[in-house]
Amino acid sequence: MEITVRKARMSDAEDLARLYIEFWKPHKKSDPLLKFKEKLTLKNQMTAARKDIKKKSNHIFVAVKDNEVIGFIEFFIKKNDKVFKIKEYGYLNSATILKKYRRKGIAKKLHLTAAKFLKDRGIKYIKTNVYISNKLALKAWQKIGFKTQSSILIKRI
């Protein structure tokens, strides 16, 4: 299976929109703070994708098979507080692969591309956040080498 990874283009907005909708599915019950005001539609997610592609601080790479975008990874460089030795780190914001292409090493390929991009800019660490309920993502990122570092707690008052 020939998969290429490249920087996202504006012409990828519709494919990214479909992947964004797929990305949010497992998050519906994970966090009450992630409830959308409007239903996710192809139209509003295309608008979000175009905005994300344009954003200079965002970096989106896509996995492509036979001219179809089948996965993406979105990350950016975060500034650390000035009191800390490490001044910047990579933050993996989101990633997903179409269901039929999962468990084929595509997330790893996207991650390696993002890691190289960050490393070439002097970044030494990448962080991400995965909900405990999203067992598939948790397992995938751990397999790639991410280690559980902390837990985020929430309470309704």
Protein backbone atom coordinates (compact mmCIF):
# COMPACT_ATOMS: atom_id res chain seq x y z
CA MET A 1 0.00 0.00 0.00
CA GLU A 2 1.65 3.21 -1.21
CA ILE A 3 1.01 6.03 1.26
CA THR A 4 2.55 9.46 0.90
CA VAL A 5 2.63 12.14 3.57
CA ARG A 6 2.62 15.82 2.68
CA LYS A 7 1.64 19.22 4.04
CA ALA A 8 -2.12 19.86 3.80
CA ARG A 9 -3.32 22.08 0.95
CA MET A 10 -6.45 24.18 0.66
CA SER A 11 -7.74 21.62 -1.87
CA ASP A 12 -7.73 19.05 1.00
CA ALA A 13 -10.37 20.96 3.01
CA GLU A 14 -13.29 18.67 2.14
CA ASP A 15 -11.34 15.49 2.93
CA LEU A 16 -10.08 17.06 6.16
CA ALA A 17 -13.64 18.04 7.07
CA ARG A 18 -14.70 14.39 6.81
CA LEU A 19 -11.75 13.37 8.96
CA TYR A 20 -12.55 16.10 11.52
CA ILE A 21 -16.07 14.67 11.89
CA GLU A 22 -14.54 11.21 12.33
CA PHE A 23 -12.07 12.62 14.88
CA TRP A 24 -14.82 14.06 17.10
CA LYS A 25 -16.96 10.86 17.22
CA PRO A 26 -15.12 9.20 20.14
CA HIS A 27 -15.01 12.50 22.04
CA LYS A 28 -18.79 12.95 22.34
CA LYS A 29 -19.01 11.39 25.79
CA SER A 30 -15.44 12.05 26.94
CA ASP A 31 -15.65 15.64 28.07
CA PRO A 32 -18.69 17.83 28.78
CA LEU A 33 -16.64 20.87 27.76
CA LEU A 34 -16.45 19.55 24.19
CA LYS A 35 -20.16 19.76 23.35
CA PHE A 36 -20.63 21.73 20.15
CA LYS A 37 -23.27 24.46 19.87
CA GLU A 38 -24.09 23.32 16.33
CA LYS A 39 -24.21 19.89 14.76
CA LEU A 40 -20.97 19.03 12.95
CA THR A 41 -21.60 19.23 9.23
CA LEU A 42 -19.38 18.90 6.21
CA LYS A 43 -19.92 22.60 5.53
CA ASN A 44 -18.91 23.91 8.97
CA GLN A 45 -16.00 21.48 9.21
CA MET A 46 -14.76 22.57 5.76
CA THR A 47 -14.74 26.13 7.10
CA ALA A 48 -12.76 24.93 10.13
CA ALA A 49 -10.34 22.99 7.92
CA ARG A 50 -9.69 26.00 5.67
CA LYS A 51 -9.06 28.16 8.73
CA ASP A 52 -6.68 25.55 10.20
CA ILE A 53 -4.75 25.16 6.93
CA LYS A 54 -4.30 28.96 6.68
CA LYS A 55 -3.19 29.39 10.27
CA LYS A 56 0.58 29.99 10.34
CA SER A 57 0.96 28.44 13.81
CA ASN A 58 -0.78 25.19 12.74
CA HIS A 59 0.98 22.42 10.93
CA ILE A 60 -1.19 19.81 9.25
CA PHE A 61 0.18 16.85 7.37
CA VAL A 62 -2.02 14.43 5.46
CA ALA A 63 -1.61 10.79 4.50
CA VAL A 64 -2.62 10.21 0.88
CA LYS A 65 -3.42 6.96 -0.93
CA ASP A 66 -4.47 7.04 -4.59
CA ASN A 67 -5.10 10.83 -4.42
CA GLU A 68 -7.43 10.39 -1.41
CA VAL A 69 -6.62 11.94 1.96
CA ILE A 70 -7.01 9.05 4.39
CA GLY A 71 -5.56 10.57 7.56
CA PHE A 72 -4.08 13.67 9.10
CA ILE A 73 -2.02 14.94 11.99
CA GLU A 74 -2.26 18.50 13.31
CA PHE A 75 0.34 19.96 15.63
CA PHE A 76 1.98 23.21 16.61
CA ILE A 77 4.88 24.58 18.59
CA LYS A 78 3.98 25.79 22.08
CA LYS A 79 5.97 28.22 24.17
CA ASN A 80 6.83 26.98 27.63
CA ASP A 81 6.80 29.30 30.64
CA LYS A 82 9.96 31.43 30.77
CA VAL A 83 11.05 29.95 34.11
CA PHE A 84 11.65 26.54 32.50
CA LYS A 85 14.80 25.38 30.71
CA ILE A 86 12.89 23.88 27.76
CA LYS A 87 11.53 26.96 25.93
CA GLU A 88 9.35 25.28 23.30
CA TYR A 89 7.75 21.90 22.67
CA GLY A 90 5.60 20.29 20.04
CA TYR A 91 1.94 19.78 20.80
CA LEU A 92 0.07 17.12 18.86
CA ASN A 93 -3.41 18.60 18.76
CA SER A 94 -5.33 16.04 16.72
CA ALA A 95 -4.95 13.11 14.38
CA THR A 96 -7.17 10.50 12.82
CA ILE A 97 -7.13 7.85 10.15
CA LEU A 98 -10.14 6.61 8.16
CA LYS A 99 -11.41 3.43 9.83
CA LYS A 100 -10.61 1.10 6.94
CA TYR A 101 -6.94 2.21 6.99
CA ARG A 102 -6.32 1.96 10.74
CA ARG A 103 -3.76 -0.47 12.20
CA LYS A 104 -1.58 -0.21 9.10
CA GLY A 105 1.14 2.08 10.47
CA ILE A 106 -0.28 5.29 9.00
CA ALA A 107 -0.48 7.12 12.35
CA LYS A 108 3.14 6.17 12.96
CA LYS A 109 4.13 7.49 9.52
CA LEU A 110 2.30 10.79 10.18
CA HIS A 111 3.88 11.02 13.64
CA LEU A 112 7.38 10.43 12.25
CA THR A 113 6.84 13.22 9.70
CA ALA A 114 5.64 15.59 12.44
CA ALA A 115 8.52 14.57 14.73
CA LYS A 116 11.09 15.22 11.99
CA PHE A 117 9.50 18.61 11.24
CA LEU A 118 9.72 19.55 14.92
CA LYS A 119 13.20 18.11 15.43
CA ASP A 120 14.48 20.09 12.42
CA ARG A 121 13.32 23.21 14.29
CA GLY A 122 15.18 22.29 17.48
CA ILE A 123 12.19 20.84 19.33
CA LYS A 124 13.02 17.92 21.64
CA TYR A 125 9.63 16.95 23.10
CA ILE A 126 6.10 16.34 21.84
CA LYS A 127 3.05 16.35 24.13
CA THR A 128 -0.49 15.30 23.42
CA ASN A 129 -3.72 14.75 25.32
CA VAL A 130 -5.76 11.56 24.94
CA TYR A 131 -8.99 10.85 26.78
CA ILE A 132 -8.89 7.68 28.85
CA SER A 133 -12.14 6.58 27.21
CA ASN A 134 -10.48 6.74 23.75
CA LYS A 135 -8.71 3.41 24.20
CA LEU A 136 -7.86 3.04 20.50
CA ALA A 137 -5.99 6.36 20.39
CA LEU A 138 -4.34 5.78 23.76
CA LYS A 139 -3.03 2.41 22.64
CA ALA A 140 -1.85 3.79 19.28
CA TRP A 141 0.12 6.68 20.82
CA GLN A 142 1.63 4.44 23.49
CA LYS A 143 2.73 2.00 20.79
CA ILE A 144 4.50 4.88 19.00
CA GLY A 145 6.36 5.73 22.22
CA PHE A 146 4.27 8.27 24.12
CA LYS A 147 4.22 7.72 27.89
CA THR A 148 1.36 8.57 30.23
CA GLN A 149 2.48 11.58 32.24
CA SER A 150 -0.54 13.00 34.03
CA SER A 151 -4.29 12.87 34.45
CA ILE A 152 -6.69 15.73 33.92
CA LEU A 153 -9.57 15.76 36.38
CA ILE A 154 -12.94 17.42 35.93
CA LYS A 155 -15.87 17.95 38.27
CA ARG A 156 -19.31 19.38 37.62
CA ILE A 157 -20.35 21.91 40.25
